[in-house]
């Protein structure tokens, strides 16, 4: 059966790049960025911030629910699926419907370079853009929340990868060697 991956982590850690590279390892695959679904909202889009409103939580849950249905649909059609999403405290509950599927193995990956490296990657990616400060704030918040949750995530089967010194191909090879996957 074709694998499903959920790749999460703080902003600017290379989730999209890694997810696309991972998907490319399979003869039929799809990369589903959750942010792309969220950005389909034409009016009333809520952006993540330090204070999460009910409207923001609803939009994130809707996107993750839609992505879960997409993942199952494509997986049943013979595609490997790689979901790319940011980590937050509600993450597990938003994906519970997908994770509870008996016939489906979902490989859960956390990309986690050092916080300093993540800020550096954001600076390289954003430069002097006004988005840089917004993303830096998101990085600080996610590391503050994610770090104490790491042992629980690992106990729940999440593969946590320190990508500080790894190239994308090395991360992909590590994921493939440590997860239940079939590249047929």
N, C-alpha and C. Protein backbone atom coordinates (compact mmCIF):
# COMPACT_ATOMS: atom_id res chain seq x y z
N UNK A 1 0.85 -1.18 0.00
CA UNK A 1 0.00 0.00 0.00
C UNK A 1 0.89 1.24 0.00
N UNK A 2 0.48 2.25 -0.72
CA UNK A 2 1.26 3.48 -0.81
C UNK A 2 1.21 4.24 0.50
N UNK A 3 2.35 4.83 0.87
CA UNK A 3 2.43 5.50 2.17
C UNK A 3 1.80 6.88 2.19
N UNK A 4 1.45 7.29 3.40
CA UNK A 4 1.05 8.67 3.67
C UNK A 4 2.03 9.21 4.69
N UNK A 5 2.52 10.40 4.44
CA UNK A 5 3.42 11.08 5.36
C UNK A 5 2.78 12.40 5.79
N UNK A 6 2.96 12.74 7.04
CA UNK A 6 2.66 14.10 7.51
C UNK A 6 3.99 14.68 7.96
N UNK A 7 4.41 15.76 7.31
CA UNK A 7 5.68 16.42 7.63
C UNK A 7 5.35 17.75 8.27
N UNK A 8 5.77 17.91 9.53
CA UNK A 8 5.46 19.14 10.27
C UNK A 8 6.73 19.72 10.88
N UNK A 9 6.58 20.92 11.41
CA UNK A 9 7.66 21.59 12.10
C UNK A 9 7.38 23.08 12.17
N UNK A 10 8.31 23.82 12.74
CA UNK A 10 8.16 25.28 12.81
C UNK A 10 8.23 25.90 11.41
N UNK A 11 7.90 27.18 11.30
CA UNK A 11 8.08 27.87 10.03
C UNK A 11 9.56 27.88 9.62
N UNK A 12 9.81 27.84 8.33
CA UNK A 12 11.14 28.05 7.74
C UNK A 12 12.12 26.91 7.99
N UNK A 13 11.63 25.69 8.28
CA UNK A 13 12.55 24.58 8.49
C UNK A 13 12.74 23.72 7.24
N UNK A 14 12.04 24.03 6.16
CA UNK A 14 12.18 23.27 4.93
C UNK A 14 11.13 22.20 4.73
N UNK A 15 9.96 22.39 5.32
CA UNK A 15 8.91 21.38 5.21
C UNK A 15 8.46 21.19 3.75
N UNK A 16 8.23 22.27 3.04
CA UNK A 16 7.75 22.16 1.66
C UNK A 16 8.82 21.56 0.75
N UNK A 17 10.04 22.02 0.87
CA UNK A 17 11.13 21.50 0.05
C UNK A 17 11.33 20.01 0.32
N UNK A 18 11.36 19.64 1.58
CA UNK A 18 11.54 18.23 1.95
C UNK A 18 10.36 17.40 1.48
N UNK A 19 9.15 17.91 1.66
CA UNK A 19 7.95 17.16 1.26
C UNK A 19 7.94 16.90 -0.24
N UNK A 20 8.27 17.89 -1.04
CA UNK A 20 8.32 17.71 -2.50
C UNK A 20 9.39 16.69 -2.88
N UNK A 21 10.55 16.78 -2.23
CA UNK A 21 11.64 15.84 -2.53
C UNK A 21 11.26 14.42 -2.11
N UNK A 22 10.58 14.29 -0.99
CA UNK A 22 10.13 12.98 -0.53
C UNK A 22 9.11 12.41 -1.50
N UNK A 23 8.15 13.21 -1.90
CA UNK A 23 7.12 12.76 -2.85
C UNK A 23 7.74 12.31 -4.17
N UNK A 24 8.81 12.97 -4.58
CA UNK A 24 9.47 12.65 -5.85
C UNK A 24 10.11 11.27 -5.85
N UNK A 25 10.24 10.65 -4.69
CA UNK A 25 10.85 9.32 -4.59
C UNK A 25 9.90 8.19 -5.01
N UNK A 26 8.66 8.53 -5.27
CA UNK A 26 7.65 7.52 -5.59
C UNK A 26 7.18 7.70 -7.03
N UNK A 27 6.82 6.59 -7.71
CA UNK A 27 6.39 6.70 -9.10
C UNK A 27 5.09 7.50 -9.29
N UNK A 28 4.20 7.44 -8.30
CA UNK A 28 2.97 8.24 -8.31
C UNK A 28 2.87 8.87 -6.93
N UNK A 29 2.80 10.19 -6.90
CA UNK A 29 2.75 10.86 -5.59
C UNK A 29 2.10 12.22 -5.70
N UNK A 30 1.70 12.71 -4.55
CA UNK A 30 1.15 14.07 -4.44
C UNK A 30 1.70 14.71 -3.18
N UNK A 31 2.03 15.98 -3.30
CA UNK A 31 2.46 16.80 -2.16
C UNK A 31 1.29 17.74 -1.88
N UNK A 32 0.78 17.70 -0.65
CA UNK A 32 -0.37 18.54 -0.28
C UNK A 32 0.05 19.51 0.81
N UNK A 33 0.33 20.78 0.45
CA UNK A 33 0.64 21.78 1.47
C UNK A 33 -0.66 22.32 2.10
N UNK A 34 -0.79 22.17 3.40
CA UNK A 34 -1.99 22.63 4.09
C UNK A 34 -2.17 24.14 3.90
N UNK A 35 -1.08 24.89 3.90
CA UNK A 35 -1.19 26.34 3.71
C UNK A 35 -1.83 26.70 2.38
N UNK A 36 -1.61 25.89 1.34
CA UNK A 36 -2.24 26.17 0.06
C UNK A 36 -3.75 26.09 0.16
N UNK A 37 -4.26 25.11 0.89
CA UNK A 37 -5.71 25.02 1.08
C UNK A 37 -6.22 26.20 1.89
N UNK A 38 -5.49 26.53 2.96
CA UNK A 38 -5.91 27.66 3.79
C UNK A 38 -5.94 28.96 2.97
N UNK A 39 -4.96 29.11 2.09
CA UNK A 39 -4.89 30.34 1.29
C UNK A 39 -5.92 30.41 0.18
N UNK A 40 -6.72 29.36 0.01
CA UNK A 40 -7.82 29.40 -0.94
C UNK A 40 -8.98 30.23 -0.41
N UNK A 41 -8.97 30.53 0.88
CA UNK A 41 -10.01 31.38 1.45
C UNK A 41 -9.87 32.75 0.80
N UNK A 42 -10.93 33.21 0.16
CA UNK A 42 -10.90 34.47 -0.57
C UNK A 42 -11.17 35.65 0.35
N UNK A 43 -12.14 35.54 1.19
CA UNK A 43 -12.48 36.62 2.12
C UNK A 43 -12.50 36.07 3.54
N UNK A 44 -11.86 36.77 4.43
CA UNK A 44 -11.87 36.38 5.84
C UNK A 44 -10.74 35.45 6.26
N UNK A 45 -9.69 35.35 5.45
CA UNK A 45 -8.57 34.48 5.80
C UNK A 45 -7.95 34.96 7.11
N UNK A 46 -7.77 34.02 8.03
CA UNK A 46 -7.13 34.31 9.31
C UNK A 46 -5.71 33.76 9.27
N UNK A 47 -4.74 34.61 9.57
CA UNK A 47 -3.35 34.18 9.61
C UNK A 47 -2.97 33.78 11.02
N UNK A 48 -2.12 32.75 11.15
CA UNK A 48 -1.67 32.37 12.50
C UNK A 48 -0.98 33.54 13.19
N UNK A 49 -1.19 33.62 14.49
CA UNK A 49 -0.57 34.67 15.30
C UNK A 49 -0.40 34.14 16.72
N UNK A 50 0.17 34.97 17.58
CA UNK A 50 0.39 34.57 18.97
C UNK A 50 -0.92 34.26 19.68
N UNK A 51 -1.98 34.95 19.28
CA UNK A 51 -3.30 34.73 19.88
C UNK A 51 -4.18 34.04 18.84
N UNK A 52 -4.61 32.83 19.18
CA UNK A 52 -5.43 32.06 18.26
C UNK A 52 -6.91 32.31 18.54
N UNK A 53 -7.58 32.84 17.54
CA UNK A 53 -9.02 33.07 17.67
C UNK A 53 -9.77 31.80 17.29
N UNK A 54 -11.04 31.78 17.62
CA UNK A 54 -11.88 30.65 17.22
C UNK A 54 -11.96 30.55 15.69
N UNK A 55 -11.99 31.70 15.02
CA UNK A 55 -12.07 31.69 13.55
C UNK A 55 -10.80 31.10 12.94
N UNK A 56 -9.65 31.43 13.49
CA UNK A 56 -8.39 30.86 13.00
C UNK A 56 -8.37 29.35 13.24
N UNK A 57 -8.72 28.92 14.44
CA UNK A 57 -8.75 27.49 14.75
C UNK A 57 -9.69 26.75 13.81
N UNK A 58 -10.84 27.35 13.52
CA UNK A 58 -11.79 26.72 12.60
C UNK A 58 -11.19 26.57 11.20
N UNK A 59 -10.54 27.61 10.70
CA UNK A 59 -9.96 27.54 9.35
C UNK A 59 -8.85 26.50 9.26
N UNK A 60 -8.04 26.41 10.29
CA UNK A 60 -6.96 25.41 10.30
C UNK A 60 -7.55 24.01 10.36
N UNK A 61 -8.54 23.80 11.21
CA UNK A 61 -9.18 22.49 11.31
C UNK A 61 -9.86 22.12 9.99
N UNK A 62 -10.54 23.07 9.35
CA UNK A 62 -11.17 22.79 8.06
C UNK A 62 -10.13 22.37 7.02
N UNK A 63 -9.02 23.09 6.95
CA UNK A 63 -7.97 22.75 5.98
C UNK A 63 -7.40 21.36 6.26
N UNK A 64 -7.13 21.06 7.52
CA UNK A 64 -6.57 19.74 7.86
C UNK A 64 -7.57 18.62 7.61
N UNK A 65 -8.84 18.87 7.83
CA UNK A 65 -9.86 17.87 7.54
C UNK A 65 -9.93 17.62 6.03
N UNK A 66 -9.92 18.68 5.25
CA UNK A 66 -9.95 18.55 3.79
C UNK A 66 -8.71 17.81 3.29
N UNK A 67 -7.55 18.14 3.84
CA UNK A 67 -6.31 17.48 3.45
C UNK A 67 -6.37 15.99 3.79
N UNK A 68 -6.94 15.65 4.92
CA UNK A 68 -7.06 14.24 5.31
C UNK A 68 -7.90 13.47 4.30
N UNK A 69 -9.02 14.05 3.87
CA UNK A 69 -9.86 13.40 2.86
C UNK A 69 -9.11 13.28 1.54
N UNK A 70 -8.39 14.34 1.15
CA UNK A 70 -7.60 14.30 -0.08
C UNK A 70 -6.55 13.20 0.00
N UNK A 71 -5.87 13.11 1.13
CA UNK A 71 -4.82 12.12 1.30
C UNK A 71 -5.37 10.71 1.11
N UNK A 72 -6.48 10.43 1.76
CA UNK A 72 -7.08 9.10 1.64
C UNK A 72 -7.54 8.82 0.22
N UNK A 73 -8.11 9.81 -0.43
CA UNK A 73 -8.59 9.64 -1.81
C UNK A 73 -7.43 9.32 -2.75
N UNK A 74 -6.35 10.10 -2.66
CA UNK A 74 -5.20 9.86 -3.53
C UNK A 74 -4.49 8.56 -3.18
N UNK A 75 -4.38 8.25 -1.90
CA UNK A 75 -3.72 7.02 -1.48
C UNK A 75 -4.47 5.81 -2.01
N UNK A 76 -5.80 5.84 -1.95
CA UNK A 76 -6.61 4.73 -2.47
C UNK A 76 -6.48 4.60 -3.98
N UNK A 77 -6.12 5.70 -4.66
CA UNK A 77 -5.94 5.68 -6.11
C UNK A 77 -4.51 5.29 -6.50
N UNK A 78 -3.70 4.91 -5.51
CA UNK A 78 -2.36 4.44 -5.81
C UNK A 78 -1.24 5.45 -5.70
N UNK A 79 -1.50 6.57 -5.07
CA UNK A 79 -0.49 7.61 -4.91
C UNK A 79 0.14 7.54 -3.52
N UNK A 80 1.43 7.81 -3.45
CA UNK A 80 2.05 8.13 -2.16
C UNK A 80 1.66 9.57 -1.87
N UNK A 81 1.41 9.87 -0.60
CA UNK A 81 0.92 11.20 -0.21
C UNK A 81 1.86 11.80 0.81
N UNK A 82 2.22 13.06 0.58
CA UNK A 82 3.04 13.79 1.55
C UNK A 82 2.32 15.08 1.90
N UNK A 83 1.86 15.16 3.15
CA UNK A 83 1.19 16.34 3.68
C UNK A 83 2.24 17.22 4.34
N UNK A 84 2.18 18.50 4.06
CA UNK A 84 3.15 19.46 4.59
C UNK A 84 2.36 20.48 5.41
N UNK A 85 2.68 20.58 6.71
CA UNK A 85 1.91 21.44 7.61
C UNK A 85 2.81 21.99 8.70
N UNK A 86 2.38 23.06 9.32
CA UNK A 86 3.12 23.58 10.47
C UNK A 86 2.62 22.87 11.72
N UNK A 87 3.45 22.85 12.75
CA UNK A 87 3.07 22.20 14.00
C UNK A 87 2.40 23.21 14.92
N UNK A 88 1.34 22.77 15.60
CA UNK A 88 0.74 23.52 16.69
C UNK A 88 0.14 22.53 17.67
N UNK A 89 -0.27 23.01 18.81
CA UNK A 89 -0.74 22.13 19.89
C UNK A 89 -1.98 21.34 19.51
N UNK A 90 -2.79 21.82 18.56
CA UNK A 90 -4.01 21.12 18.15
C UNK A 90 -3.77 20.13 17.02
N UNK A 91 -2.56 20.03 16.60
CA UNK A 91 -2.20 19.26 15.43
C UNK A 91 -2.74 17.82 15.47
N UNK A 92 -2.47 17.11 16.54
CA UNK A 92 -2.87 15.70 16.62
C UNK A 92 -4.38 15.53 16.53
N UNK A 93 -5.13 16.36 17.22
CA UNK A 93 -6.59 16.21 17.18
C UNK A 93 -7.16 16.54 15.80
N UNK A 94 -6.56 17.51 15.10
CA UNK A 94 -7.05 17.86 13.76
C UNK A 94 -6.85 16.73 12.76
N UNK A 95 -5.84 15.90 12.97
CA UNK A 95 -5.56 14.78 12.06
C UNK A 95 -6.05 13.44 12.60
N UNK A 96 -6.78 13.44 13.70
CA UNK A 96 -7.17 12.18 14.32
C UNK A 96 -7.95 11.27 13.38
N UNK A 97 -8.83 11.84 12.57
CA UNK A 97 -9.58 11.03 11.62
C UNK A 97 -8.69 10.28 10.64
N UNK A 98 -7.63 10.90 10.21
CA UNK A 98 -6.67 10.26 9.32
C UNK A 98 -5.83 9.24 10.09
N UNK A 99 -5.37 9.63 11.26
CA UNK A 99 -4.51 8.75 12.06
C UNK A 99 -5.25 7.51 12.55
N UNK A 100 -6.57 7.59 12.69
CA UNK A 100 -7.37 6.45 13.17
C UNK A 100 -7.71 5.44 12.09
N UNK A 101 -7.35 5.70 10.84
CA UNK A 101 -7.67 4.78 9.76
C UNK A 101 -6.93 3.46 10.00
N UNK A 102 -7.65 2.38 10.09
CA UNK A 102 -7.07 1.08 10.42
C UNK A 102 -6.21 0.54 9.27
N UNK A 103 -6.65 0.72 8.06
CA UNK A 103 -5.97 0.14 6.90
C UNK A 103 -4.83 1.01 6.36
N UNK A 104 -4.56 2.14 7.00
CA UNK A 104 -3.60 3.09 6.47
C UNK A 104 -2.50 3.36 7.50
N UNK A 105 -1.26 3.29 7.05
CA UNK A 105 -0.14 3.67 7.90
C UNK A 105 0.23 5.11 7.57
N UNK A 106 0.20 5.95 8.58
CA UNK A 106 0.59 7.35 8.41
C UNK A 106 1.94 7.53 9.10
N UNK A 107 2.94 7.91 8.30
CA UNK A 107 4.28 8.18 8.81
C UNK A 107 4.33 9.63 9.27
N UNK A 108 4.63 9.84 10.53
CA UNK A 108 4.56 11.18 11.14
C UNK A 108 5.97 11.69 11.37
N UNK A 109 6.30 12.82 10.74
CA UNK A 109 7.66 13.35 10.74
C UNK A 109 7.66 14.78 11.29
N UNK A 110 8.61 15.07 12.18
CA UNK A 110 8.83 16.44 12.67
C UNK A 110 10.23 16.86 12.22
N UNK A 111 10.31 17.92 11.42
CA UNK A 111 11.60 18.49 11.05
C UNK A 111 11.95 19.54 12.08
N UNK A 112 13.13 19.40 12.71
CA UNK A 112 13.43 20.29 13.83
C UNK A 112 14.93 20.62 13.90
N UNK A 113 15.39 21.54 13.05
CA UNK A 113 16.75 22.04 13.25
C UNK A 113 16.79 22.90 14.51
N UNK A 114 17.96 23.35 14.89
CA UNK A 114 18.03 24.24 16.05
C UNK A 114 17.24 25.51 15.75
N UNK A 115 16.79 26.15 16.80
CA UNK A 115 16.04 27.40 16.61
C UNK A 115 16.91 28.45 15.93
N UNK A 116 18.17 28.51 16.28
CA UNK A 116 19.09 29.48 15.67
C UNK A 116 19.18 29.25 14.16
N UNK A 117 19.30 27.98 13.77
CA UNK A 117 19.37 27.64 12.35
C UNK A 117 18.07 28.03 11.64
N UNK A 118 16.95 27.82 12.30
CA UNK A 118 15.66 28.15 11.70
C UNK A 118 15.54 29.65 11.47
N UNK A 119 15.96 30.45 12.44
CA UNK A 119 15.95 31.91 12.24
C UNK A 119 16.87 32.30 11.08
N UNK A 120 18.02 31.64 10.98
CA UNK A 120 18.96 31.91 9.88
C UNK A 120 18.32 31.57 8.54
N UNK A 121 17.65 30.44 8.46
CA UNK A 121 16.98 30.05 7.21
C UNK A 121 15.89 31.04 6.85
N UNK A 122 15.16 31.53 7.86
CA UNK A 122 14.14 32.54 7.61
C UNK A 122 14.77 33.81 7.06
N UNK A 123 15.89 34.22 7.64
CA UNK A 123 16.57 35.42 7.16
C UNK A 123 17.01 35.24 5.72
N UNK A 124 17.57 34.07 5.38
CA UNK A 124 18.00 33.80 4.01
C UNK A 124 16.82 33.79 3.05
N UNK A 125 15.70 33.27 3.49
CA UNK A 125 14.52 33.15 2.65
C UNK A 125 13.77 34.48 2.53
N UNK A 126 13.65 35.20 3.65
CA UNK A 126 12.82 36.41 3.68
C UNK A 126 13.59 37.69 3.42
N UNK A 127 14.89 37.69 3.72
CA UNK A 127 15.67 38.92 3.53
C UNK A 127 15.08 40.06 4.34
N UNK A 128 14.88 41.19 3.69
CA UNK A 128 14.33 42.38 4.36
C UNK A 128 12.82 42.49 4.23
N UNK A 129 12.18 41.44 3.80
CA UNK A 129 10.72 41.44 3.64
C UNK A 129 10.03 41.70 4.98
N UNK A 130 8.90 42.40 4.96
CA UNK A 130 8.14 42.59 6.20
C UNK A 130 7.68 41.26 6.82
N UNK A 131 7.61 40.21 6.01
CA UNK A 131 7.19 38.90 6.52
C UNK A 131 8.24 38.29 7.45
N UNK A 132 9.47 38.76 7.36
CA UNK A 132 10.54 38.18 8.16
C UNK A 132 10.24 38.25 9.66
N UNK A 133 9.84 39.40 10.15
CA UNK A 133 9.55 39.55 11.59
C UNK A 133 8.36 38.69 11.99
N UNK A 134 7.34 38.63 11.14
CA UNK A 134 6.16 37.81 11.42
C UNK A 134 6.55 36.34 11.54
N UNK A 135 7.37 35.87 10.60
CA UNK A 135 7.80 34.47 10.61
C UNK A 135 8.73 34.20 11.80
N UNK A 136 9.63 35.15 12.10
CA UNK A 136 10.50 34.99 13.28
C UNK A 136 9.68 34.83 14.56
N UNK A 137 8.61 35.60 14.67
CA UNK A 137 7.73 35.48 15.83
C UNK A 137 7.08 34.09 15.87
N UNK A 138 6.64 33.61 14.72
CA UNK A 138 6.07 32.27 14.64
C UNK A 138 7.08 31.20 15.02
N UNK A 139 8.32 31.38 14.60
CA UNK A 139 9.38 30.43 14.95
C UNK A 139 9.55 30.39 16.47
N UNK A 140 9.62 31.55 17.09
CA UNK A 140 9.79 31.59 18.55
C UNK A 140 8.63 30.89 19.27
N UNK A 141 7.43 31.17 18.84
CA UNK A 141 6.24 30.59 19.47
C UNK A 141 6.23 29.07 19.32
N UNK A 142 6.49 28.59 18.10
CA UNK A 142 6.42 27.14 17.87
C UNK A 142 7.51 26.42 18.66
N UNK A 143 8.73 26.93 18.67
CA UNK A 143 9.78 26.27 19.46
C UNK A 143 9.43 26.26 20.94
N UNK A 144 8.84 27.34 21.40
CA UNK A 144 8.45 27.42 22.82
C UNK A 144 7.42 26.35 23.16
N UNK A 145 6.49 26.08 22.25
CA UNK A 145 5.44 25.09 22.49
C UNK A 145 5.88 23.67 22.13
N UNK A 146 6.69 23.54 21.08
CA UNK A 146 7.05 22.22 20.57
C UNK A 146 8.11 21.53 21.43
N UNK A 147 9.08 22.26 21.89
CA UNK A 147 10.18 21.66 22.64
C UNK A 147 9.72 20.82 23.83
N UNK A 148 8.81 21.33 24.69
CA UNK A 148 8.37 20.48 25.81
C UNK A 148 7.50 19.29 25.38
N UNK A 149 6.98 19.31 24.16
CA UNK A 149 6.10 18.24 23.69
C UNK A 149 6.85 17.13 22.95
N UNK A 150 8.15 17.29 22.74
CA UNK A 150 8.89 16.34 21.91
C UNK A 150 8.85 14.91 22.42
N UNK A 151 9.03 14.71 23.71
CA UNK A 151 9.04 13.33 24.22
C UNK A 151 7.67 12.68 24.02
N UNK A 152 6.60 13.43 24.20
CA UNK A 152 5.25 12.88 23.96
C UNK A 152 5.05 12.53 22.48
N UNK A 153 5.54 13.40 21.61
CA UNK A 153 5.42 13.13 20.18
C UNK A 153 6.17 11.87 19.79
N UNK A 154 7.38 11.72 20.32
CA UNK A 154 8.17 10.52 20.01
C UNK A 154 7.48 9.26 20.54
N UNK A 155 6.89 9.34 21.74
CA UNK A 155 6.15 8.20 22.29
C UNK A 155 4.93 7.86 21.43
N UNK A 156 4.36 8.88 20.78
CA UNK A 156 3.20 8.69 19.91
C UNK A 156 3.60 8.27 18.49
N UNK A 157 4.89 8.01 18.28
CA UNK A 157 5.33 7.50 16.99
C UNK A 157 5.82 8.52 15.99
N UNK A 158 6.00 9.76 16.42
CA UNK A 158 6.53 10.78 15.52
C UNK A 158 8.04 10.62 15.43
N UNK A 159 8.57 10.67 14.22
CA UNK A 159 10.00 10.64 13.98
C UNK A 159 10.48 12.09 13.98
N UNK A 160 11.28 12.45 14.98
CA UNK A 160 11.81 13.81 15.10
C UNK A 160 13.21 13.82 14.52
N UNK A 161 13.44 14.69 13.53
CA UNK A 161 14.73 14.73 12.84
C UNK A 161 15.36 16.10 13.02
N UNK A 162 16.56 16.12 13.57
CA UNK A 162 17.34 17.35 13.66
C UNK A 162 17.97 17.57 12.29
N UNK A 163 17.46 18.53 11.56
CA UNK A 163 17.91 18.78 10.19
C UNK A 163 18.93 19.91 10.10
N UNK A 164 19.48 20.31 11.24
CA UNK A 164 20.41 21.45 11.26
C UNK A 164 21.52 21.30 10.23
N UNK A 165 22.16 20.15 10.19
CA UNK A 165 23.33 19.96 9.33
C UNK A 165 23.05 19.02 8.15
N UNK A 166 21.78 18.76 7.87
CA UNK A 166 21.44 17.82 6.81
C UNK A 166 20.96 18.53 5.55
N UNK A 167 21.38 18.03 4.40
CA UNK A 167 20.82 18.48 3.13
C UNK A 167 19.46 17.82 2.94
N UNK A 168 18.68 18.35 2.03
CA UNK A 168 17.34 17.82 1.78
C UNK A 168 17.40 16.34 1.41
N UNK A 169 18.31 15.94 0.53
CA UNK A 169 18.39 14.53 0.14
C UNK A 169 18.74 13.64 1.32
N UNK A 170 19.55 14.13 2.25
CA UNK A 170 19.88 13.36 3.44
C UNK A 170 18.65 13.19 4.35
N UNK A 171 17.86 14.24 4.46
CA UNK A 171 16.64 14.15 5.26
C UNK A 171 15.68 13.13 4.63
N UNK A 172 15.51 13.21 3.33
CA UNK A 172 14.62 12.28 2.63
C UNK A 172 15.10 10.84 2.82
N UNK A 173 16.39 10.60 2.65
CA UNK A 173 16.92 9.25 2.83
C UNK A 173 16.71 8.77 4.27
N UNK A 174 16.88 9.65 5.24
CA UNK A 174 16.65 9.30 6.63
C UNK A 174 15.19 8.92 6.86
N UNK A 175 14.28 9.72 6.32
CA UNK A 175 12.85 9.42 6.46
C UNK A 175 12.53 8.07 5.84
N UNK A 176 13.00 7.83 4.64
CA UNK A 176 12.69 6.57 3.96
C UNK A 176 13.28 5.37 4.68
N UNK A 177 14.44 5.54 5.30
CA UNK A 177 15.06 4.42 6.00
C UNK A 177 14.41 4.13 7.36
N UNK A 178 13.70 5.10 7.90
CA UNK A 178 13.13 4.95 9.25
C UNK A 178 11.62 4.80 9.27
N UNK A 179 10.97 4.81 8.13
CA UNK A 179 9.51 4.73 8.10
C UNK A 179 9.06 3.55 7.25
N UNK A 180 7.81 3.22 7.44
CA UNK A 180 7.20 2.15 6.63
C UNK A 180 6.85 2.73 5.27
N UNK A 181 7.65 2.42 4.29
CA UNK A 181 7.38 2.97 2.96
C UNK A 181 7.65 1.91 1.89
N UNK A 182 7.04 2.11 0.76
CA UNK A 182 7.25 1.24 -0.39
C UNK A 182 7.33 2.12 -1.61
N UNK A 183 8.44 2.04 -2.32
CA UNK A 183 8.61 2.88 -3.51
C UNK A 183 8.28 2.10 -4.77
N UNK A 184 7.27 1.30 -4.71
CA UNK A 184 6.92 0.51 -5.90
C UNK A 184 5.96 1.24 -6.77
